[in-house]
Amino acid sequence: MNHIENPVRDEPRRHPLLWVFALFCLFLSVPFYYPEGRAPTMIFGLPDWCWVTLIADILFALIVCWMILKTWIASSEED
């Protein structure tokens, strides 16, 4: 009898707050919420919306990396 134990493991779907934060980062990464015709403030030669987009993208990447490293279920191959 071949019995494979499947213990309950941590999964990304068990962390809804991470998904909400990830979607919020994606929402921030598209600067459609800035008023039209507004002159952007320049910070180190880049407009402020660019900095918001870069920070949101970096946060999104960190969330995805954390999900993969900490909650990814890797199947072990046993022969």
PDB file of N, CA and C in Angstrom:
ATOM      1  N   MET A   1       0.841  -1.172   0.000  1.00  0.00           N
ATOM      2  CA  MET A   1       0.000   0.000   0.000  1.00  0.00           C
ATOM      3  C   MET A   1       0.893   1.244   0.000  1.00  0.00           C
ATOM      4  N   ASN A   2       0.696   2.074  -0.976  1.00  0.00           N
ATOM      5  CA  ASN A   2       1.497   3.281  -1.120  1.00  0.00           C
ATOM      6  C   ASN A   2       0.714   4.455  -0.546  1.00  0.00           C
ATOM      7  N   HIS A   3       1.092   4.870   0.635  1.00  0.00           N
ATOM      8  CA  HIS A   3       0.393   5.961   1.309  1.00  0.00           C
ATOM      9  C   HIS A   3       1.310   7.181   1.359  1.00  0.00           C
ATOM     10  N   ILE A   4       0.852   8.267   0.785  1.00  0.00           N
ATOM     11  CA  ILE A   4       1.632   9.505   0.775  1.00  0.00           C
ATOM     12  C   ILE A   4       0.994  10.464   1.768  1.00  0.00           C
ATOM     13  N   GLU A   5       1.770  10.862   2.740  1.00  0.00           N
ATOM     14  CA  GLU A   5       1.262  11.817   3.716  1.00  0.00           C
ATOM     15  C   GLU A   5       1.316  13.215   3.122  1.00  0.00           C
ATOM     16  N   ASN A   6       0.263  13.961   3.338  1.00  0.00           N
ATOM     17  CA  ASN A   6       0.195  15.330   2.841  1.00  0.00           C
ATOM     18  C   ASN A   6      -0.109  16.256   4.012  1.00  0.00           C
ATOM     19  N   PRO A   7       0.901  16.650   4.763  1.00  0.00           N
ATOM     20  CA  PRO A   7       0.647  17.534   5.900  1.00  0.00           C
ATOM     21  C   PRO A   7       0.180  18.903   5.423  1.00  0.00           C
ATOM     22  N   VAL A   8      -0.570  19.559   6.278  1.00  0.00           N
ATOM     23  CA  VAL A   8      -1.036  20.906   5.948  1.00  0.00           C
ATOM     24  C   VAL A   8       0.176  21.830   5.942  1.00  0.00           C
ATOM     25  N   ARG A   9       0.364  22.493   4.839  1.00  0.00           N
ATOM     26  CA  ARG A   9       1.502  23.402   4.683  1.00  0.00           C
ATOM     27  C   ARG A   9       0.998  24.809   4.445  1.00  0.00           C
ATOM     28  N   ASP A  10       1.903  25.719   4.600  1.00  0.00           N
ATOM     29  CA  ASP A  10       1.575  27.109   4.342  1.00  0.00           C
ATOM     30  C   ASP A  10       1.480  27.317   2.837  1.00  0.00           C
ATOM     31  N   GLU A  11       0.476  28.050   2.404  1.00  0.00           N
ATOM     32  CA  GLU A  11       0.281  28.330   0.985  1.00  0.00           C
ATOM     33  C   GLU A  11      -0.004  29.815   0.810  1.00  0.00           C
ATOM     34  N   PRO A  12       0.301  30.352  -0.369  1.00  0.00           N
ATOM     35  CA  PRO A  12       0.014  31.771  -0.606  1.00  0.00           C
ATOM     36  C   PRO A  12      -1.469  32.108  -0.461  1.00  0.00           C
ATOM     37  N   ARG A  13      -2.331  31.190  -0.801  1.00  0.00           N
ATOM     38  CA  ARG A  13      -3.762  31.484  -0.724  1.00  0.00           C
ATOM     39  C   ARG A  13      -4.257  31.605   0.716  1.00  0.00           C
ATOM     40  N   ARG A  14      -3.456  31.193   1.672  1.00  0.00           N
ATOM     41  CA  ARG A  14      -3.831  31.305   3.081  1.00  0.00           C
ATOM     42  C   ARG A  14      -3.448  32.664   3.674  1.00  0.00           C
ATOM     43  N   HIS A  15      -2.946  33.551   2.858  1.00  0.00           N
ATOM     44  CA  HIS A  15      -2.529  34.884   3.308  1.00  0.00           C
ATOM     45  C   HIS A  15      -3.271  35.954   2.508  1.00  0.00           C
ATOM     46  N   PRO A  16      -4.544  36.170   2.784  1.00  0.00           N
ATOM     47  CA  PRO A  16      -5.303  37.146   1.985  1.00  0.00           C
ATOM     48  C   PRO A  16      -4.775  38.571   2.121  1.00  0.00           C
ATOM     49  N   LEU A  17      -4.192  38.896   3.254  1.00  0.00           N
ATOM     50  CA  LEU A  17      -3.661  40.248   3.424  1.00  0.00           C
ATOM     51  C   LEU A  17      -2.508  40.517   2.463  1.00  0.00           C
ATOM     52  N   LEU A  18      -1.691  39.510   2.205  1.00  0.00           N
ATOM     53  CA  LEU A  18      -0.610  39.671   1.228  1.00  0.00           C
ATOM     54  C   LEU A  18      -1.163  39.933  -0.163  1.00  0.00           C
ATOM     55  N   TRP A  19      -2.237  39.240  -0.520  1.00  0.00           N
ATOM     56  CA  TRP A  19      -2.849  39.441  -1.840  1.00  0.00           C
ATOM     57  C   TRP A  19      -3.445  40.838  -1.956  1.00  0.00           C
ATOM     58  N   VAL A  20      -4.073  41.308  -0.885  1.00  0.00           N
ATOM     59  CA  VAL A  20      -4.634  42.662  -0.901  1.00  0.00           C
ATOM     60  C   VAL A  20      -3.512  43.688  -1.063  1.00  0.00           C
ATOM     61  N   PHE A  21      -2.423  43.506  -0.317  1.00  0.00           N
ATOM     62  CA  PHE A  21      -1.291  44.427  -0.408  1.00  0.00           C
ATOM     63  C   PHE A  21      -0.651  44.367  -1.795  1.00  0.00           C
ATOM     64  N   ALA A  22      -0.555  43.165  -2.372  1.00  0.00           N
ATOM     65  CA  ALA A  22       0.018  43.024  -3.717  1.00  0.00           C
ATOM     66  C   ALA A  22      -0.854  43.742  -4.747  1.00  0.00           C
ATOM     67  N   LEU A  23      -2.165  43.580  -4.647  1.00  0.00           N
ATOM     68  CA  LEU A  23      -3.067  44.274  -5.577  1.00  0.00           C
ATOM     69  C   LEU A  23      -3.000  45.788  -5.383  1.00  0.00           C
ATOM     70  N   PHE A  24      -2.845  46.224  -4.142  1.00  0.00           N
ATOM     71  CA  PHE A  24      -2.702  47.656  -3.875  1.00  0.00           C
ATOM     72  C   PHE A  24      -1.430  48.203  -4.515  1.00  0.00           C
ATOM     73  N   CYS A  25      -0.343  47.442  -4.448  1.00  0.00           N
ATOM     74  CA  CYS A  25       0.913  47.861  -5.092  1.00  0.00           C
ATOM     75  C   CYS A  25       0.736  47.962  -6.603  1.00  0.00           C
ATOM     76  N   LEU A  26       0.024  47.007  -7.182  1.00  0.00           N
ATOM     77  CA  LEU A  26      -0.237  47.077  -8.622  1.00  0.00           C
ATOM     78  C   LEU A  26      -1.101  48.285  -8.961  1.00  0.00           C
ATOM     79  N   PHE A  27      -2.066  48.589  -8.109  1.00  0.00           N
ATOM     80  CA  PHE A  27      -2.917  49.761  -8.301  1.00  0.00           C
ATOM     81  C   PHE A  27      -2.079  51.039  -8.278  1.00  0.00           C
ATOM     82  N   LEU A  28      -1.140  51.125  -7.332  1.00  0.00           N
ATOM     83  CA  LEU A  28      -0.285  52.314  -7.236  1.00  0.00           C
ATOM     84  C   LEU A  28       0.697  52.433  -8.394  1.00  0.00           C
ATOM     85  N   SER A  29       1.027  51.318  -9.018  1.00  0.00           N
ATOM     86  CA  SER A  29       2.058  51.351 -10.061  1.00  0.00           C
ATOM     87  C   SER A  29       1.574  51.992 -11.361  1.00  0.00           C
ATOM     88  N   VAL A  30       0.276  52.200 -11.499  1.00  0.00           N
ATOM     89  CA  VAL A  30      -0.265  52.864 -12.694  1.00  0.00           C
ATOM     90  C   VAL A  30      -0.730  54.256 -12.266  1.00  0.00           C
ATOM     91  N   PRO A  31      -0.086  55.309 -12.740  1.00  0.00           N
ATOM     92  CA  PRO A  31      -0.365  56.654 -12.216  1.00  0.00           C
ATOM     93  C   PRO A  31      -1.606  57.322 -12.812  1.00  0.00           C
ATOM     94  N   PHE A  32      -2.694  56.602 -12.942  1.00  0.00           N
ATOM     95  CA  PHE A  32      -3.910  57.192 -13.495  1.00  0.00           C
ATOM     96  C   PHE A  32      -4.629  58.066 -12.465  1.00  0.00           C
ATOM     97  N   TYR A  33      -4.259  57.972 -11.203  1.00  0.00           N
ATOM     98  CA  TYR A  33      -4.946  58.710 -10.145  1.00  0.00           C
ATOM     99  C   TYR A  33      -4.430  60.142 -10.002  1.00  0.00           C
ATOM    100  N   TYR A  34      -3.361  60.489 -10.726  1.00  0.00           N
ATOM    101  CA  TYR A  34      -2.885  61.872 -10.697  1.00  0.00           C
ATOM    102  C   TYR A  34      -3.808  62.731 -11.554  1.00  0.00           C
ATOM    103  N   PRO A  35      -4.096  63.958 -11.107  1.00  0.00           N
ATOM    104  CA  PRO A  35      -4.976  64.830 -11.894  1.00  0.00           C
ATOM    105  C   PRO A  35      -4.365  65.174 -13.255  1.00  0.00           C
ATOM    106  N   GLU A  36      -5.213  65.254 -14.244  1.00  0.00           N
ATOM    107  CA  GLU A  36      -4.746  65.582 -15.590  1.00  0.00           C
ATOM    108  C   GLU A  36      -4.337  67.053 -15.640  1.00  0.00           C
ATOM    109  N   GLY A  37      -3.233  67.325 -16.303  1.00  0.00           N
ATOM    110  CA  GLY A  37      -2.750  68.690 -16.434  1.00  0.00           C
ATOM    111  C   GLY A  37      -1.901  69.156 -15.258  1.00  0.00           C
ATOM    112  N   ARG A  38      -1.694  68.315 -14.288  1.00  0.00           N
ATOM    113  CA  ARG A  38      -0.887  68.661 -13.114  1.00  0.00           C
ATOM    114  C   ARG A  38       0.588  68.611 -13.489  1.00  0.00           C
ATOM    115  N   ALA A  39       1.322  69.634 -13.098  1.00  0.00           N
ATOM    116  CA  ALA A  39       2.765  69.652 -13.353  1.00  0.00           C
ATOM    117  C   ALA A  39       3.443  68.758 -12.317  1.00  0.00           C
ATOM    118  N   PRO A  40       4.162  67.730 -12.759  1.00  0.00           N
ATOM    119  CA  PRO A  40       4.783  66.816 -11.794  1.00  0.00           C
ATOM    120  C   PRO A  40       5.955  67.470 -11.067  1.00  0.00           C
ATOM    121  N   THR A  41       6.118  67.089  -9.832  1.00  0.00           N
ATOM    122  CA  THR A  41       7.269  67.527  -9.052  1.00  0.00           C
ATOM    123  C   THR A  41       8.449  66.653  -9.428  1.00  0.00           C
ATOM    124  N   MET A  42       9.567  67.274  -9.741  1.00  0.00           N
ATOM    125  CA  MET A  42      10.747  66.516 -10.147  1.00  0.00           C
ATOM    126  C   MET A  42      11.600  66.176  -8.925  1.00  0.00           C
ATOM    127  N   ILE A  43      11.954  64.906  -8.801  1.00  0.00           N
ATOM    128  CA  ILE A  43      12.809  64.432  -7.711  1.00  0.00           C
ATOM    129  C   ILE A  43      13.973  63.687  -8.344  1.00  0.00           C
ATOM    130  N   PHE A  44      15.174  64.210  -8.193  1.00  0.00           N
ATOM    131  CA  PHE A  44      16.375  63.642  -8.814  1.00  0.00           C
ATOM    132  C   PHE A  44      16.190  63.422 -10.316  1.00  0.00           C
ATOM    133  N   GLY A  45      15.528  64.358 -10.958  1.00  0.00           N
ATOM    134  CA  GLY A  45      15.373  64.321 -12.404  1.00  0.00           C
ATOM    135  C   GLY A  45      14.229  63.460 -12.909  1.00  0.00           C
ATOM    136  N   LEU A  46      13.475  62.840 -12.014  1.00  0.00           N
ATOM    137  CA  LEU A  46      12.330  62.022 -12.415  1.00  0.00           C
ATOM    138  C   LEU A  46      11.060  62.594 -11.798  1.00  0.00           C
ATOM    139  N   PRO A  47       9.937  62.512 -12.512  1.00  0.00           N
ATOM    140  CA  PRO A  47       8.688  63.014 -11.942  1.00  0.00           C
ATOM    141  C   PRO A  47       8.254  62.173 -10.735  1.00  0.00           C
ATOM    142  N   ASP A  48       7.477  62.797  -9.855  1.00  0.00           N
ATOM    143  CA  ASP A  48       7.065  62.112  -8.632  1.00  0.00           C
ATOM    144  C   ASP A  48       6.261  60.847  -8.901  1.00  0.00           C
ATOM    145  N   TRP A  49       5.459  60.835  -9.964  1.00  0.00           N
ATOM    146  CA  TRP A  49       4.680  59.633 -10.257  1.00  0.00           C
ATOM    147  C   TRP A  49       5.587  58.462 -10.622  1.00  0.00           C
ATOM    148  N   CYS A  50       6.749  58.764 -11.194  1.00  0.00           N
ATOM    149  CA  CYS A  50       7.708  57.712 -11.538  1.00  0.00           C
ATOM    150  C   CYS A  50       8.260  57.066 -10.268  1.00  0.00           C
ATOM    151  N   TRP A  51       8.545  57.873  -9.254  1.00  0.00           N
ATOM    152  CA  TRP A  51       9.045  57.338  -7.984  1.00  0.00           C
ATOM    153  C   TRP A  51       7.989  56.472  -7.301  1.00  0.00           C
ATOM    154  N   VAL A  52       6.741  56.931  -7.342  1.00  0.00           N
ATOM    155  CA  VAL A  52       5.655  56.136  -6.751  1.00  0.00           C
ATOM    156  C   VAL A  52       5.544  54.799  -7.470  1.00  0.00           C
ATOM    157  N   THR A  53       5.637  54.824  -8.793  1.00  0.00           N
ATOM    158  CA  THR A  53       5.570  53.592  -9.578  1.00  0.00           C
ATOM    159  C   THR A  53       6.736  52.664  -9.260  1.00  0.00           C
ATOM    160  N   LEU A  54       7.946  53.206  -9.191  1.00  0.00           N
ATOM    161  CA  LEU A  54       9.119  52.382  -8.875  1.00  0.00           C
ATOM    162  C   LEU A  54       9.020  51.745  -7.492  1.00  0.00           C
ATOM    163  N   ILE A  55       8.602  52.517  -6.507  1.00  0.00           N
ATOM    164  CA  ILE A  55       8.473  51.984  -5.146  1.00  0.00           C
ATOM    165  C   ILE A  55       7.389  50.916  -5.087  1.00  0.00           C
ATOM    166  N   ALA A  56       6.256  51.165  -5.745  1.00  0.00           N
ATOM    167  CA  ALA A  56       5.178  50.171  -5.760  1.00  0.00           C
ATOM    168  C   ALA A  56       5.627  48.889  -6.452  1.00  0.00           C
ATOM    169  N   ASP A  57       6.376  49.012  -7.542  1.00  0.00           N
ATOM    170  CA  ASP A  57       6.868  47.822  -8.247  1.00  0.00           C
ATOM    171  C   ASP A  57       7.875  47.043  -7.412  1.00  0.00           C
ATOM    172  N   ILE A  58       8.746  47.752  -6.711  1.00  0.00           N
ATOM    173  CA  ILE A  58       9.720  47.076  -5.848  1.00  0.00           C
ATOM    174  C   ILE A  58       9.006  46.353  -4.706  1.00  0.00           C
ATOM    175  N   LEU A  59       8.013  46.999  -4.097  1.00  0.00           N
ATOM    176  CA  LEU A  59       7.245  46.342  -3.035  1.00  0.00           C
ATOM    177  C   LEU A  59       6.510  45.116  -3.558  1.00  0.00           C
ATOM    178  N   PHE A  60       5.941  45.220  -4.751  1.00  0.00           N
ATOM    179  CA  PHE A  60       5.251  44.078  -5.350  1.00  0.00           C
ATOM    180  C   PHE A  60       6.225  42.928  -5.581  1.00  0.00           C
ATOM    181  N   ALA A  61       7.407  43.241  -6.085  1.00  0.00           N
ATOM    182  CA  ALA A  61       8.411  42.199  -6.324  1.00  0.00           C
ATOM    183  C   ALA A  61       8.842  41.539  -5.016  1.00  0.00           C
ATOM    184  N   LEU A  62       8.992  42.324  -3.956  1.00  0.00           N
ATOM    185  CA  LEU A  62       9.362  41.761  -2.657  1.00  0.00           C
ATOM    186  C   LEU A  62       8.270  40.846  -2.110  1.00  0.00           C
ATOM    187  N   ILE A  63       7.019  41.233  -2.293  1.00  0.00           N
ATOM    188  CA  ILE A  63       5.904  40.391  -1.842  1.00  0.00           C
ATOM    189  C   ILE A  63       5.905  39.070  -2.589  1.00  0.00           C
ATOM    190  N   VAL A  64       6.065  39.130  -3.903  1.00  0.00           N
ATOM    191  CA  VAL A  64       6.074  37.903  -4.702  1.00  0.00           C
ATOM    192  C   VAL A  64       7.261  37.022  -4.319  1.00  0.00           C
ATOM    193  N   CYS A  65       8.427  37.616  -4.115  1.00  0.00           N
ATOM    194  CA  CYS A  65       9.603  36.833  -3.693  1.00  0.00           C
ATOM    195  C   CYS A  65       9.358  36.169  -2.349  1.00  0.00           C
ATOM    196  N   TRP A  66       8.776  36.903  -1.411  1.00  0.00           N
ATOM    197  CA  TRP A  66       8.498  36.330  -0.097  1.00  0.00           C
ATOM    198  C   TRP A  66       7.511  35.175  -0.221  1.00  0.00           C
ATOM    199  N   MET A  67       6.468  35.370  -1.036  1.00  0.00           N
ATOM    200  CA  MET A  67       5.491  34.292  -1.226  1.00  0.00           C
ATOM    201  C   MET A  67       6.154  33.042  -1.802  1.00  0.00           C
ATOM    202  N   ILE A  68       7.026  33.227  -2.766  1.00  0.00           N
ATOM    203  CA  ILE A  68       7.685  32.079  -3.394  1.00  0.00           C
ATOM    204  C   ILE A  68       8.642  31.404  -2.421  1.00  0.00           C
ATOM    205  N   LEU A  69       9.438  32.183  -1.709  1.00  0.00           N
ATOM    206  CA  LEU A  69      10.446  31.602  -0.819  1.00  0.00           C
ATOM    207  C   LEU A  69       9.851  30.990   0.443  1.00  0.00           C
ATOM    208  N   LYS A  70       8.805  31.583   0.984  1.00  0.00           N
ATOM    209  CA  LYS A  70       8.279  31.137   2.272  1.00  0.00           C
ATOM    210  C   LYS A  70       7.028  30.270   2.179  1.00  0.00           C
ATOM    211  N   THR A  71       6.241  30.407   1.126  1.00  0.00           N
ATOM    212  CA  THR A  71       4.967  29.683   1.100  1.00  0.00           C
ATOM    213  C   THR A  71       4.813  28.761  -0.096  1.00  0.00           C
ATOM    214  N   TRP A  72       5.822  28.632  -0.908  1.00  0.00           N
ATOM    215  CA  TRP A  72       5.728  27.776  -2.092  1.00  0.00           C
ATOM    216  C   TRP A  72       5.818  26.316  -1.666  1.00  0.00           C
ATOM    217  N   ILE A  73       4.912  25.507  -2.155  1.00  0.00           N
ATOM    218  CA  ILE A  73       4.927  24.088  -1.825  1.00  0.00           C
ATOM    219  C   ILE A  73       5.709  23.365  -2.908  1.00  0.00           C
ATOM    220  N   ALA A  74       6.863  22.874  -2.536  1.00  0.00           N
ATOM    221  CA  ALA A  74       7.708  22.142  -3.480  1.00  0.00           C
ATOM    222  C   ALA A  74       7.444  20.657  -3.298  1.00  0.00           C
ATOM    223  N   SER A  75       7.099  20.006  -4.379  1.00  0.00           N
ATOM    224  CA  SER A  75       6.856  18.569  -4.286  1.00  0.00           C
ATOM    225  C   SER A  75       8.192  17.841  -4.290  1.00  0.00           C
ATOM    226  N   SER A  76       8.318  16.912  -3.382  1.00  0.00           N
ATOM    227  CA  SER A  76       9.558  16.143  -3.321  1.00  0.00           C
ATOM    228  C   SER A  76       9.381  14.860  -4.121  1.00  0.00           C
ATOM    229  N   GLU A  77      10.372  14.570  -4.911  1.00  0.00           N
ATOM    230  CA  GLU A  77      10.320  13.366  -5.740  1.00  0.00           C
ATOM    231  C   GLU A  77      10.965  12.214  -4.985  1.00  0.00           C
ATOM    232  N   GLU A  78      10.158  11.200  -4.715  1.00  0.00           N
ATOM    233  CA  GLU A  78      10.672  10.014  -4.051  1.00  0.00           C
ATOM    234  C   GLU A  78      10.509   8.833  -4.985  1.00  0.00           C
ATOM    235  N   ASP A  79      11.569   8.097  -5.189  1.00  0.00           N
ATOM    236  CA  ASP A  79      11.510   6.944  -6.089  1.00  0.00           C
ATOM    237  C   ASP A  79      11.245   5.675  -5.340  1.00  0.00           C
TER     238      ASP A  79
END
